[in-house]
């Protein structure tokens, strides 16, 4: 799939999940989370081509412009939507699946700066369809299963199976219903 098809999907994702997105033009011109993802794609290509310094400089410039820091070494799937963006941090070895939603202030970070061998995974892996609420911290080389939801301000340091709802500090996983998962993603209509 080409660049323009991906851009169209990013715009559609924003419009599907943010009721404040009134037009495609508004998303293209005013959505910092979408801009950060687009810049990440360029910096990631530079990173993979071995142009590490230019990749990092672009990611830092994007952070300055958008308030979103995505390391160019991270692996991000299709249709990541970062709502409100500011304060989001995605670490170098993070892996983010398709159709993931992050709200402002989310950190996908490491737990320790000691005893890390360069190149080893030290950041989280989020399965497809995961939603992470505002201010949540997901730390360490853990895995959150597909379609899980992390509540606002939760601190997650342990793996969770698919379709979990993670709440609290430290977060505890509980099985989520289909309706709870849809509601967390903003997919239930009023009165549903």
N, C-alpha and C. Protein backbone atom coordinates (compact mmCIF):
# COMPACT_ATOMS: atom_id res chain seq x y z
N UNK A 1 0.85 -1.17 0.00
CA UNK A 1 0.00 0.00 0.00
C UNK A 1 0.89 1.24 0.00
N UNK A 2 0.51 2.22 -0.77
CA UNK A 2 1.32 3.42 -0.94
C UNK A 2 1.18 4.43 0.19
N UNK A 3 2.00 5.44 0.10
CA UNK A 3 2.04 6.50 1.11
C UNK A 3 0.68 7.20 1.23
N UNK A 4 0.07 7.51 0.11
CA UNK A 4 -1.19 8.25 0.16
C UNK A 4 -2.33 7.40 0.74
N UNK A 5 -2.29 6.11 0.49
CA UNK A 5 -3.29 5.23 1.08
C UNK A 5 -3.14 5.21 2.60
N UNK A 6 -1.91 5.17 3.08
CA UNK A 6 -1.67 5.21 4.53
C UNK A 6 -2.14 6.53 5.13
N UNK A 7 -1.88 7.62 4.44
CA UNK A 7 -2.32 8.94 4.91
C UNK A 7 -3.84 8.97 5.00
N UNK A 8 -4.52 8.45 3.98
CA UNK A 8 -5.99 8.41 4.01
C UNK A 8 -6.49 7.58 5.19
N UNK A 9 -5.82 6.44 5.46
CA UNK A 9 -6.23 5.61 6.60
C UNK A 9 -6.01 6.33 7.93
N UNK A 10 -4.91 7.07 8.05
CA UNK A 10 -4.65 7.82 9.28
C UNK A 10 -5.73 8.88 9.51
N UNK A 11 -6.11 9.56 8.44
CA UNK A 11 -7.15 10.59 8.54
C UNK A 11 -8.48 9.95 8.93
N UNK A 12 -8.83 8.83 8.28
CA UNK A 12 -10.08 8.14 8.58
C UNK A 12 -10.10 7.65 10.02
N UNK A 13 -8.97 7.15 10.51
CA UNK A 13 -8.88 6.69 11.91
C UNK A 13 -9.17 7.85 12.86
N UNK A 14 -8.58 9.00 12.61
CA UNK A 14 -8.82 10.17 13.45
C UNK A 14 -10.30 10.56 13.43
N UNK A 15 -10.89 10.56 12.25
CA UNK A 15 -12.30 10.94 12.16
C UNK A 15 -13.22 9.92 12.83
N UNK A 16 -12.86 8.63 12.75
CA UNK A 16 -13.68 7.59 13.40
C UNK A 16 -13.66 7.71 14.91
N UNK A 17 -12.52 8.08 15.47
CA UNK A 17 -12.35 8.00 16.92
C UNK A 17 -12.39 9.33 17.65
N UNK A 18 -12.44 10.43 16.93
CA UNK A 18 -12.50 11.73 17.60
C UNK A 18 -13.70 12.50 17.08
N UNK A 19 -14.74 12.65 17.92
CA UNK A 19 -15.93 13.39 17.48
C UNK A 19 -15.64 14.86 17.18
N UNK A 20 -14.49 15.36 17.65
CA UNK A 20 -14.14 16.76 17.38
C UNK A 20 -13.51 16.93 16.00
N UNK A 21 -13.24 15.84 15.29
CA UNK A 21 -12.67 15.92 13.94
C UNK A 21 -13.79 16.18 12.95
N UNK A 22 -13.96 17.43 12.57
CA UNK A 22 -15.10 17.82 11.73
C UNK A 22 -14.84 17.69 10.24
N UNK A 23 -13.56 17.64 9.85
CA UNK A 23 -13.27 17.51 8.42
C UNK A 23 -11.88 16.91 8.22
N UNK A 24 -11.66 16.40 7.02
CA UNK A 24 -10.34 15.87 6.68
C UNK A 24 -9.30 16.98 6.73
N UNK A 25 -9.67 18.16 6.27
CA UNK A 25 -8.73 19.29 6.27
C UNK A 25 -8.29 19.63 7.70
N UNK A 26 -9.23 19.57 8.65
CA UNK A 26 -8.90 19.85 10.04
C UNK A 26 -7.89 18.83 10.58
N UNK A 27 -8.09 17.57 10.26
CA UNK A 27 -7.16 16.53 10.71
C UNK A 27 -5.78 16.77 10.11
N UNK A 28 -5.73 17.02 8.81
CA UNK A 28 -4.45 17.21 8.12
C UNK A 28 -3.70 18.42 8.67
N UNK A 29 -4.42 19.48 8.97
CA UNK A 29 -3.76 20.73 9.36
C UNK A 29 -3.57 20.91 10.86
N UNK A 30 -4.38 20.26 11.69
CA UNK A 30 -4.38 20.62 13.11
C UNK A 30 -4.16 19.47 14.08
N UNK A 31 -3.92 18.25 13.63
CA UNK A 31 -3.81 17.12 14.55
C UNK A 31 -2.34 16.74 14.77
N UNK A 32 -1.80 17.18 15.89
CA UNK A 32 -0.38 16.95 16.18
C UNK A 32 -0.03 15.48 16.29
N UNK A 33 -0.94 14.65 16.80
CA UNK A 33 -0.67 13.22 16.89
C UNK A 33 -0.52 12.59 15.52
N UNK A 34 -1.33 13.03 14.57
CA UNK A 34 -1.23 12.53 13.19
C UNK A 34 0.07 13.02 12.58
N UNK A 35 0.43 14.27 12.80
CA UNK A 35 1.69 14.81 12.27
C UNK A 35 2.88 14.03 12.83
N UNK A 36 2.83 13.70 14.11
CA UNK A 36 3.94 12.97 14.74
C UNK A 36 4.10 11.58 14.11
N UNK A 37 2.99 10.92 13.82
CA UNK A 37 3.06 9.59 13.18
C UNK A 37 3.63 9.71 11.78
N UNK A 38 3.22 10.72 11.03
CA UNK A 38 3.76 10.89 9.68
C UNK A 38 5.27 11.15 9.74
N UNK A 39 5.71 12.00 10.64
CA UNK A 39 7.15 12.27 10.77
C UNK A 39 7.90 11.03 11.23
N UNK A 40 7.28 10.25 12.13
CA UNK A 40 7.90 9.00 12.58
C UNK A 40 8.19 8.10 11.38
N UNK A 41 7.25 8.00 10.46
CA UNK A 41 7.43 7.10 9.31
C UNK A 41 8.67 7.48 8.50
N UNK A 42 8.91 8.77 8.37
CA UNK A 42 10.11 9.23 7.65
C UNK A 42 11.36 8.93 8.48
N UNK A 43 11.33 9.27 9.76
CA UNK A 43 12.51 9.04 10.60
C UNK A 43 12.80 7.54 10.74
N UNK A 44 11.76 6.71 10.77
CA UNK A 44 11.96 5.26 10.88
C UNK A 44 12.66 4.72 9.63
N UNK A 45 12.28 5.22 8.46
CA UNK A 45 12.96 4.79 7.23
C UNK A 45 14.43 5.19 7.25
N UNK A 46 14.71 6.41 7.74
CA UNK A 46 16.10 6.85 7.87
C UNK A 46 16.85 5.93 8.83
N UNK A 47 16.21 5.59 9.96
CA UNK A 47 16.81 4.72 10.97
C UNK A 47 17.16 3.35 10.37
N UNK A 48 16.21 2.79 9.64
CA UNK A 48 16.43 1.47 9.04
C UNK A 48 17.52 1.52 7.96
N UNK A 49 17.70 2.67 7.32
CA UNK A 49 18.73 2.84 6.30
C UNK A 49 20.11 3.09 6.91
N UNK A 50 20.17 3.12 8.24
CA UNK A 50 21.45 3.34 8.91
C UNK A 50 21.79 4.80 9.12
N UNK A 51 20.87 5.69 8.80
CA UNK A 51 21.08 7.13 8.99
C UNK A 51 20.55 7.53 10.37
N UNK A 52 21.21 7.04 11.39
CA UNK A 52 20.71 7.17 12.77
C UNK A 52 20.65 8.63 13.25
N UNK A 53 21.70 9.41 13.02
CA UNK A 53 21.70 10.79 13.49
C UNK A 53 20.61 11.62 12.81
N UNK A 54 20.49 11.59 11.48
CA UNK A 54 19.38 12.35 10.87
C UNK A 54 18.01 11.88 11.37
N UNK A 55 17.86 10.57 11.59
CA UNK A 55 16.59 10.04 12.10
C UNK A 55 16.28 10.62 13.47
N UNK A 56 17.28 10.62 14.36
CA UNK A 56 17.07 11.17 15.71
C UNK A 56 16.81 12.67 15.68
N UNK A 57 17.52 13.38 14.81
CA UNK A 57 17.31 14.83 14.71
C UNK A 57 15.89 15.14 14.23
N UNK A 58 15.40 14.38 13.25
CA UNK A 58 14.03 14.57 12.78
C UNK A 58 13.04 14.25 13.89
N UNK A 59 13.27 13.17 14.64
CA UNK A 59 12.33 12.82 15.71
C UNK A 59 12.32 13.88 16.81
N UNK A 60 13.48 14.46 17.10
CA UNK A 60 13.53 15.51 18.13
C UNK A 60 12.89 16.81 17.64
N UNK A 61 13.06 17.12 16.36
CA UNK A 61 12.41 18.30 15.79
C UNK A 61 10.89 18.12 15.82
N UNK A 62 10.44 16.91 15.50
CA UNK A 62 9.01 16.60 15.54
C UNK A 62 8.49 16.72 16.97
N UNK A 63 9.27 16.26 17.93
CA UNK A 63 8.88 16.40 19.35
C UNK A 63 8.70 17.88 19.70
N UNK A 64 9.63 18.72 19.24
CA UNK A 64 9.55 20.16 19.48
C UNK A 64 8.26 20.73 18.90
N UNK A 65 7.89 20.29 17.70
CA UNK A 65 6.70 20.82 17.02
C UNK A 65 5.39 20.28 17.58
N UNK A 66 5.38 18.99 17.96
CA UNK A 66 4.11 18.34 18.28
C UNK A 66 3.92 17.99 19.75
N UNK A 67 5.02 17.90 20.51
CA UNK A 67 4.92 17.44 21.90
C UNK A 67 4.84 15.93 22.01
N UNK A 68 5.04 15.23 20.88
CA UNK A 68 5.01 13.76 20.85
C UNK A 68 6.41 13.28 20.50
N UNK A 69 6.95 12.37 21.34
CA UNK A 69 8.28 11.83 21.07
C UNK A 69 8.17 10.35 20.72
N UNK A 70 8.46 10.05 19.46
CA UNK A 70 8.48 8.66 19.00
C UNK A 70 9.90 8.38 18.54
N UNK A 71 10.56 7.45 19.21
CA UNK A 71 11.92 7.09 18.80
C UNK A 71 11.86 6.45 17.42
N UNK A 72 12.78 6.81 16.52
CA UNK A 72 12.73 6.25 15.17
C UNK A 72 12.99 4.75 15.11
N UNK A 73 13.52 4.17 16.17
CA UNK A 73 13.74 2.73 16.21
C UNK A 73 12.51 1.93 16.60
N UNK A 74 11.48 2.59 17.11
CA UNK A 74 10.24 1.90 17.50
C UNK A 74 9.59 1.29 16.26
N UNK A 75 8.77 0.26 16.49
CA UNK A 75 8.03 -0.38 15.40
C UNK A 75 6.55 -0.10 15.61
N UNK A 76 5.96 0.58 14.64
CA UNK A 76 4.56 1.00 14.76
C UNK A 76 3.76 0.47 13.59
N UNK A 77 2.62 -0.14 13.89
CA UNK A 77 1.75 -0.71 12.87
C UNK A 77 0.91 0.35 12.18
N UNK A 78 -0.11 -0.11 11.50
CA UNK A 78 -1.00 0.75 10.73
C UNK A 78 -2.00 1.46 11.64
N UNK A 79 -2.38 2.66 11.25
CA UNK A 79 -3.48 3.43 11.84
C UNK A 79 -3.32 3.72 13.33
N UNK A 80 -2.11 4.00 13.80
CA UNK A 80 -1.95 4.49 15.17
C UNK A 80 -2.60 5.87 15.25
N UNK A 81 -3.46 6.06 16.25
CA UNK A 81 -4.07 7.37 16.47
C UNK A 81 -3.68 7.86 17.86
N UNK A 82 -3.05 9.04 17.89
CA UNK A 82 -2.64 9.66 19.15
C UNK A 82 -3.54 10.87 19.33
N UNK A 83 -4.50 10.78 20.25
CA UNK A 83 -5.47 11.85 20.48
C UNK A 83 -4.88 12.89 21.43
N UNK A 84 -4.85 14.11 21.01
CA UNK A 84 -4.32 15.26 21.76
C UNK A 84 -2.82 15.25 21.93
N UNK A 85 -2.19 14.13 21.71
CA UNK A 85 -0.74 14.03 21.56
C UNK A 85 0.17 14.47 22.67
N UNK A 86 0.05 15.64 23.17
CA UNK A 86 1.05 16.23 24.04
C UNK A 86 1.52 15.27 25.13
N UNK A 87 2.84 15.14 25.25
CA UNK A 87 3.42 14.35 26.32
C UNK A 87 3.52 12.87 26.06
N UNK A 88 3.17 12.40 24.86
CA UNK A 88 3.30 10.98 24.54
C UNK A 88 4.77 10.67 24.27
N UNK A 89 5.24 9.55 24.84
CA UNK A 89 6.61 9.09 24.61
C UNK A 89 6.56 7.61 24.25
N UNK A 90 7.21 7.26 23.13
CA UNK A 90 7.30 5.88 22.67
C UNK A 90 8.77 5.55 22.52
N UNK A 91 9.25 4.60 23.33
CA UNK A 91 10.67 4.27 23.37
C UNK A 91 11.17 3.46 22.18
N UNK A 92 12.49 3.36 22.10
CA UNK A 92 13.18 2.77 20.95
C UNK A 92 12.77 1.35 20.61
N UNK A 93 12.57 0.50 21.59
CA UNK A 93 12.27 -0.91 21.29
C UNK A 93 10.79 -1.24 21.45
N UNK A 94 9.96 -0.21 21.58
CA UNK A 94 8.52 -0.43 21.67
C UNK A 94 7.99 -0.99 20.35
N UNK A 95 6.96 -1.83 20.47
CA UNK A 95 6.27 -2.37 19.30
C UNK A 95 4.79 -2.07 19.50
N UNK A 96 4.21 -1.38 18.54
CA UNK A 96 2.81 -0.95 18.62
C UNK A 96 2.07 -1.58 17.44
N UNK A 97 1.01 -2.34 17.73
CA UNK A 97 0.26 -3.04 16.69
C UNK A 97 -0.61 -2.10 15.87
N UNK A 98 -1.44 -2.68 15.04
CA UNK A 98 -2.37 -1.94 14.19
C UNK A 98 -3.56 -1.44 15.02
N UNK A 99 -4.13 -0.31 14.58
CA UNK A 99 -5.37 0.23 15.15
C UNK A 99 -5.27 0.54 16.64
N UNK A 100 -4.12 0.97 17.10
CA UNK A 100 -3.90 1.33 18.50
C UNK A 100 -4.26 2.80 18.70
N UNK A 101 -4.84 3.10 19.86
CA UNK A 101 -5.17 4.48 20.24
C UNK A 101 -4.44 4.84 21.52
N UNK A 102 -3.74 5.98 21.50
CA UNK A 102 -3.07 6.51 22.69
C UNK A 102 -3.62 7.90 22.96
N UNK A 103 -3.89 8.19 24.22
CA UNK A 103 -4.31 9.53 24.60
C UNK A 103 -3.12 10.30 25.15
N UNK A 104 -3.30 11.56 25.45
CA UNK A 104 -2.18 12.41 25.85
C UNK A 104 -1.51 11.91 27.13
N UNK A 105 -0.22 12.18 27.22
CA UNK A 105 0.54 11.84 28.41
C UNK A 105 0.90 10.38 28.58
N UNK A 106 0.74 9.56 27.55
CA UNK A 106 1.04 8.13 27.63
C UNK A 106 2.55 7.92 27.45
N UNK A 107 3.10 7.01 28.25
CA UNK A 107 4.51 6.63 28.11
C UNK A 107 4.59 5.13 27.85
N UNK A 108 5.29 4.78 26.78
CA UNK A 108 5.67 3.39 26.52
C UNK A 108 7.17 3.36 26.75
N UNK A 109 7.56 3.12 28.02
CA UNK A 109 8.95 3.31 28.41
C UNK A 109 9.61 2.10 29.01
N UNK A 110 10.88 2.27 29.31
CA UNK A 110 11.66 1.24 29.98
C UNK A 110 11.58 1.40 31.49
N UNK A 111 11.99 0.37 32.22
CA UNK A 111 11.96 0.42 33.69
C UNK A 111 13.31 0.67 34.31
N UNK A 112 14.37 0.29 33.64
CA UNK A 112 15.68 0.37 34.26
C UNK A 112 16.72 0.80 33.25
N UNK A 113 17.65 1.60 33.68
CA UNK A 113 18.73 2.00 32.77
C UNK A 113 19.95 1.13 32.97
N UNK A 114 19.92 0.26 33.95
CA UNK A 114 21.07 -0.59 34.27
C UNK A 114 20.91 -1.97 33.65
N UNK A 115 22.03 -2.56 33.29
CA UNK A 115 22.09 -3.94 32.79
C UNK A 115 21.31 -4.15 31.49
N UNK A 116 21.11 -3.10 30.71
CA UNK A 116 20.46 -3.24 29.41
C UNK A 116 21.51 -3.38 28.33
N UNK A 117 21.47 -4.46 27.61
CA UNK A 117 22.38 -4.67 26.49
C UNK A 117 21.78 -3.95 25.29
N UNK A 118 22.57 -3.13 24.59
CA UNK A 118 22.03 -2.43 23.41
C UNK A 118 21.38 -3.42 22.44
N UNK A 119 20.19 -3.02 21.97
CA UNK A 119 19.46 -3.86 21.02
C UNK A 119 18.47 -4.81 21.66
N UNK A 120 18.54 -5.04 22.98
CA UNK A 120 17.57 -5.92 23.61
C UNK A 120 16.28 -5.15 23.86
N UNK A 121 15.18 -5.86 23.83
CA UNK A 121 13.88 -5.23 24.04
C UNK A 121 13.76 -4.78 25.48
N UNK A 122 13.43 -3.50 25.66
CA UNK A 122 13.28 -2.95 27.01
C UNK A 122 12.02 -2.10 27.14
N UNK A 123 11.21 -2.06 26.08
CA UNK A 123 9.97 -1.29 26.06
C UNK A 123 8.80 -2.23 25.77
N UNK A 124 7.58 -1.77 25.99
CA UNK A 124 6.41 -2.64 25.82
C UNK A 124 6.06 -2.97 24.38
N UNK A 125 5.26 -4.01 24.27
CA UNK A 125 4.66 -4.43 23.00
C UNK A 125 3.15 -4.34 23.20
N UNK A 126 2.47 -3.58 22.33
CA UNK A 126 1.02 -3.45 22.40
C UNK A 126 0.41 -4.20 21.22
N UNK A 127 -0.50 -5.12 21.50
CA UNK A 127 -1.18 -5.86 20.44
C UNK A 127 -2.12 -4.97 19.65
N UNK A 128 -2.65 -5.50 18.58
CA UNK A 128 -3.59 -4.76 17.73
C UNK A 128 -4.80 -4.31 18.56
N UNK A 129 -5.27 -3.09 18.27
CA UNK A 129 -6.49 -2.59 18.86
C UNK A 129 -6.41 -2.15 20.31
N UNK A 130 -5.23 -2.05 20.88
CA UNK A 130 -5.09 -1.63 22.28
C UNK A 130 -5.42 -0.15 22.39
N UNK A 131 -6.11 0.23 23.47
CA UNK A 131 -6.40 1.63 23.78
C UNK A 131 -5.73 1.96 25.11
N UNK A 132 -5.00 3.08 25.15
CA UNK A 132 -4.30 3.48 26.37
C UNK A 132 -4.78 4.86 26.78
N UNK A 133 -5.38 4.95 27.99
CA UNK A 133 -5.95 6.19 28.48
C UNK A 133 -4.92 7.24 28.87
N UNK A 134 -5.38 8.46 29.01
CA UNK A 134 -4.52 9.61 29.30
C UNK A 134 -3.66 9.38 30.54
N UNK A 135 -2.39 9.71 30.41
CA UNK A 135 -1.47 9.65 31.54
C UNK A 135 -0.99 8.28 31.93
N UNK A 136 -1.41 7.24 31.24
CA UNK A 136 -1.00 5.88 31.60
C UNK A 136 0.47 5.66 31.27
N UNK A 137 1.11 4.83 32.07
CA UNK A 137 2.51 4.47 31.89
C UNK A 137 2.58 2.96 31.72
N UNK A 138 3.15 2.51 30.61
CA UNK A 138 3.35 1.09 30.36
C UNK A 138 4.85 0.90 30.28
N UNK A 139 5.40 0.16 31.24
CA UNK A 139 6.85 0.17 31.44
C UNK A 139 7.46 -1.22 31.35
N UNK A 140 8.58 -1.30 30.67
CA UNK A 140 9.34 -2.53 30.60
C UNK A 140 8.99 -3.38 29.40
N UNK A 141 9.71 -4.49 29.22
CA UNK A 141 9.52 -5.37 28.06
C UNK A 141 8.33 -6.31 28.25
N UNK A 142 7.16 -5.73 28.41
CA UNK A 142 5.94 -6.51 28.66
C UNK A 142 5.08 -6.52 27.40
N UNK A 143 4.07 -7.36 27.40
CA UNK A 143 3.16 -7.47 26.25
C UNK A 143 1.72 -7.30 26.73
N UNK A 144 0.99 -6.42 26.06
CA UNK A 144 -0.45 -6.27 26.29
C UNK A 144 -1.17 -6.90 25.11
N UNK A 145 -2.05 -7.86 25.39
CA UNK A 145 -2.75 -8.58 24.34
C UNK A 145 -3.70 -7.71 23.54
N UNK A 146 -4.09 -8.22 22.38
CA UNK A 146 -4.98 -7.51 21.47
C UNK A 146 -6.25 -7.03 22.15
N UNK A 147 -6.69 -5.85 21.74
CA UNK A 147 -7.95 -5.24 22.15
C UNK A 147 -8.05 -5.02 23.66
N UNK A 148 -6.92 -4.87 24.31
CA UNK A 148 -6.92 -4.52 25.73
C UNK A 148 -7.10 -3.02 25.89
N UNK A 149 -7.52 -2.62 27.08
CA UNK A 149 -7.72 -1.21 27.40
C UNK A 149 -7.00 -0.89 28.70
N UNK A 150 -6.21 0.17 28.68
CA UNK A 150 -5.50 0.64 29.87
C UNK A 150 -6.19 1.92 30.32
N UNK A 151 -6.63 1.95 31.58
CA UNK A 151 -7.31 3.12 32.11
C UNK A 151 -6.39 4.31 32.30
N UNK A 152 -6.98 5.48 32.37
CA UNK A 152 -6.21 6.71 32.57
C UNK A 152 -5.37 6.61 33.85
N UNK A 153 -4.12 7.04 33.73
CA UNK A 153 -3.16 7.11 34.84
C UNK A 153 -2.75 5.76 35.42
N UNK A 154 -3.12 4.67 34.78
CA UNK A 154 -2.69 3.35 35.25
C UNK A 154 -1.19 3.20 35.03
N UNK A 155 -0.56 2.38 35.84
CA UNK A 155 0.86 2.06 35.67
C UNK A 155 0.95 0.55 35.47
N UNK A 156 1.32 0.14 34.27
CA UNK A 156 1.33 -1.27 33.89
C UNK A 156 2.77 -1.76 33.80
N UNK A 157 3.09 -2.81 34.58
CA UNK A 157 4.45 -3.36 34.56
C UNK A 157 4.46 -4.88 34.36
N UNK A 158 3.27 -5.45 34.08
CA UNK A 158 3.18 -6.90 33.87
C UNK A 158 2.36 -7.19 32.62
N UNK A 159 2.66 -8.33 31.98
CA UNK A 159 1.92 -8.77 30.79
C UNK A 159 0.43 -8.87 31.10
N UNK A 160 -0.38 -8.71 30.06
CA UNK A 160 -1.83 -8.88 30.20
C UNK A 160 -2.35 -9.61 28.97
N UNK A 161 -3.31 -10.53 29.16
CA UNK A 161 -3.85 -11.27 28.02
C UNK A 161 -4.76 -10.38 27.16
N UNK A 162 -5.12 -10.89 25.99
CA UNK A 162 -6.02 -10.18 25.08
C UNK A 162 -7.32 -9.82 25.80
N UNK A 163 -7.88 -8.68 25.41
CA UNK A 163 -9.17 -8.19 25.89
C UNK A 163 -9.20 -7.93 27.40
N UNK A 164 -8.06 -7.50 27.91
CA UNK A 164 -7.99 -7.14 29.33
C UNK A 164 -8.35 -5.68 29.52
N UNK A 165 -8.84 -5.37 30.69
CA UNK A 165 -8.97 -3.98 31.13
C UNK A 165 -8.01 -3.83 32.29
N UNK A 166 -7.10 -2.86 32.18
CA UNK A 166 -6.05 -2.67 33.18
C UNK A 166 -6.27 -1.35 33.90
N UNK A 167 -6.46 -1.43 35.21
CA UNK A 167 -6.77 -0.24 36.02
C UNK A 167 -5.89 -0.22 37.26
N UNK A 168 -5.51 0.99 37.69
CA UNK A 168 -4.85 1.15 38.97
C UNK A 168 -3.34 1.31 38.92
N UNK A 169 -2.79 1.50 40.14
CA UNK A 169 -1.35 1.63 40.33
C UNK A 169 -0.96 0.71 41.47
N UNK A 170 -0.28 -0.38 41.21
CA UNK A 170 0.01 -0.92 39.89
C UNK A 170 -1.27 -1.48 39.25
N UNK A 171 -1.28 -1.49 37.93
CA UNK A 171 -2.49 -1.93 37.22
C UNK A 171 -2.74 -3.41 37.42
N UNK A 172 -4.00 -3.74 37.55
CA UNK A 172 -4.42 -5.14 37.64
C UNK A 172 -5.33 -5.41 36.45
N UNK A 173 -5.12 -6.57 35.83
CA UNK A 173 -5.89 -6.93 34.64
C UNK A 173 -7.17 -7.66 35.03
N UNK A 174 -8.24 -7.31 34.34
CA UNK A 174 -9.49 -8.05 34.46
C UNK A 174 -10.03 -8.24 33.05
N UNK A 175 -10.84 -9.24 32.87
CA UNK A 175 -11.40 -9.54 31.55
C UNK A 175 -12.41 -8.46 31.18
N UNK A 176 -12.29 -7.92 29.97
CA UNK A 176 -13.22 -6.90 29.50
C UNK A 176 -14.29 -7.49 28.60
N UNK A 177 -15.49 -6.92 28.67
CA UNK A 177 -16.55 -7.34 27.76
C UNK A 177 -16.40 -6.61 26.43
N UNK A 178 -17.04 -7.11 25.41
CA UNK A 178 -16.99 -6.46 24.09
C UNK A 178 -17.50 -5.02 24.19
N UNK A 179 -18.55 -4.79 24.98
CA UNK A 179 -19.11 -3.45 25.12
C UNK A 179 -18.14 -2.51 25.82
N UNK A 180 -17.45 -2.99 26.85
CA UNK A 180 -16.46 -2.15 27.55
C UNK A 180 -15.31 -1.76 26.63
N UNK A 181 -14.88 -2.70 25.82
CA UNK A 181 -13.77 -2.42 24.90
C UNK A 181 -14.20 -1.42 23.83
N UNK A 182 -15.40 -1.59 23.28
CA UNK A 182 -15.91 -0.64 22.29
C UNK A 182 -16.09 0.74 22.91
N UNK A 183 -16.59 0.81 24.13
CA UNK A 183 -16.79 2.09 24.80
C UNK A 183 -15.46 2.80 25.02
N UNK A 184 -14.42 2.05 25.40
CA UNK A 184 -13.11 2.65 25.64
C UNK A 184 -12.53 3.22 24.35
N UNK A 185 -12.88 2.64 23.23
CA UNK A 185 -12.38 3.12 21.93
C UNK A 185 -13.28 4.18 21.32
N UNK A 186 -14.37 4.52 22.01
CA UNK A 186 -15.27 5.55 21.49
C UNK A 186 -16.12 5.05 20.33
N UNK A 187 -16.36 3.74 20.27
CA UNK A 187 -17.11 3.17 19.14
C UNK A 187 -18.58 2.96 19.44
N UNK A 188 -19.01 3.14 20.68
CA UNK A 188 -20.44 3.01 20.98
C UNK A 188 -21.10 4.36 20.78
N UNK A 189 -22.23 4.34 20.11
CA UNK A 189 -23.00 5.58 19.89
C UNK A 189 -23.83 5.87 21.13
N UNK A 190 -24.22 7.12 21.30
CA UNK A 190 -25.07 7.49 22.43
C UNK A 190 -26.34 6.68 22.37
N UNK A 191 -26.73 6.15 23.54
CA UNK A 191 -27.93 5.35 23.64
C UNK A 191 -27.74 3.89 23.31
N UNK A 192 -26.49 3.52 22.94
CA UNK A 192 -26.20 2.11 22.59
C UNK A 192 -26.02 1.29 23.84
